[in-house]
Amino acid sequence: MSSAIGLEQLKLIERFTDRRREIARIYD
């Protein structure tokens, strides 16, 4: 169970970092 939660958190973090990258690209 804990591993599944960690996996979902990883996916969320990946999405968040992707958003930040897109935003950085726009402001760059």
C-alpha atoms as a PDB file:
ATOM      1  CA  MET A   1       0.000   0.000   0.000  1.00  0.00           C
ATOM      2  CA  SER A   2       2.701   2.509   0.960  1.00  0.00           C
ATOM      3  CA  SER A   3       4.553   1.786  -2.295  1.00  0.00           C
ATOM      4  CA  ALA A   4       1.395   2.560  -4.281  1.00  0.00           C
ATOM      5  CA  ILE A   5       0.994   5.878  -2.465  1.00  0.00           C
ATOM      6  CA  GLY A   6       4.643   6.706  -3.169  1.00  0.00           C
ATOM      7  CA  LEU A   7       4.094   5.892  -6.838  1.00  0.00           C
ATOM      8  CA  GLU A   8       1.115   8.245  -7.051  1.00  0.00           C
ATOM      9  CA  GLN A   9       3.130  10.966  -5.314  1.00  0.00           C
ATOM     10  CA  LEU A  10       5.933  10.443  -7.824  1.00  0.00           C
ATOM     11  CA  LYS A  11       3.472  10.872 -10.694  1.00  0.00           C
ATOM     12  CA  LEU A  12       2.136  14.068  -9.114  1.00  0.00           C
ATOM     13  CA  ILE A  13       5.667  15.397  -8.655  1.00  0.00           C
ATOM     14  CA  GLU A  14       6.489  14.556 -12.279  1.00  0.00           C
ATOM     15  CA  ARG A  15       3.408  16.444 -13.478  1.00  0.00           C
ATOM     16  CA  PHE A  16       4.280  19.387 -11.215  1.00  0.00           C
ATOM     17  CA  THR A  17       7.865  19.548 -12.498  1.00  0.00           C
ATOM     18  CA  ASP A  18       6.604  19.358 -16.084  1.00  0.00           C
ATOM     19  CA  ARG A  19       4.290  22.306 -15.412  1.00  0.00           C
ATOM     20  CA  ARG A  20       7.161  24.281 -13.907  1.00  0.00           C
ATOM     21  CA  ARG A  21       9.299  23.483 -16.951  1.00  0.00           C
ATOM     22  CA  GLU A  22       6.555  24.722 -19.277  1.00  0.00           C
ATOM     23  CA  ILE A  23       6.102  27.889 -17.222  1.00  0.00           C
ATOM     24  CA  ALA A  24       9.875  28.482 -17.183  1.00  0.00           C
ATOM     25  CA  ARG A  25       9.915  28.013 -20.954  1.00  0.00           C
ATOM     26  CA  ILE A  26       7.114  30.570 -21.381  1.00  0.00           C
ATOM     27  CA  TYR A  27       8.837  33.127 -19.121  1.00  0.00           C
ATOM     28  CA  ASP A  28      12.199  32.399 -20.709  1.00  0.00           C
END
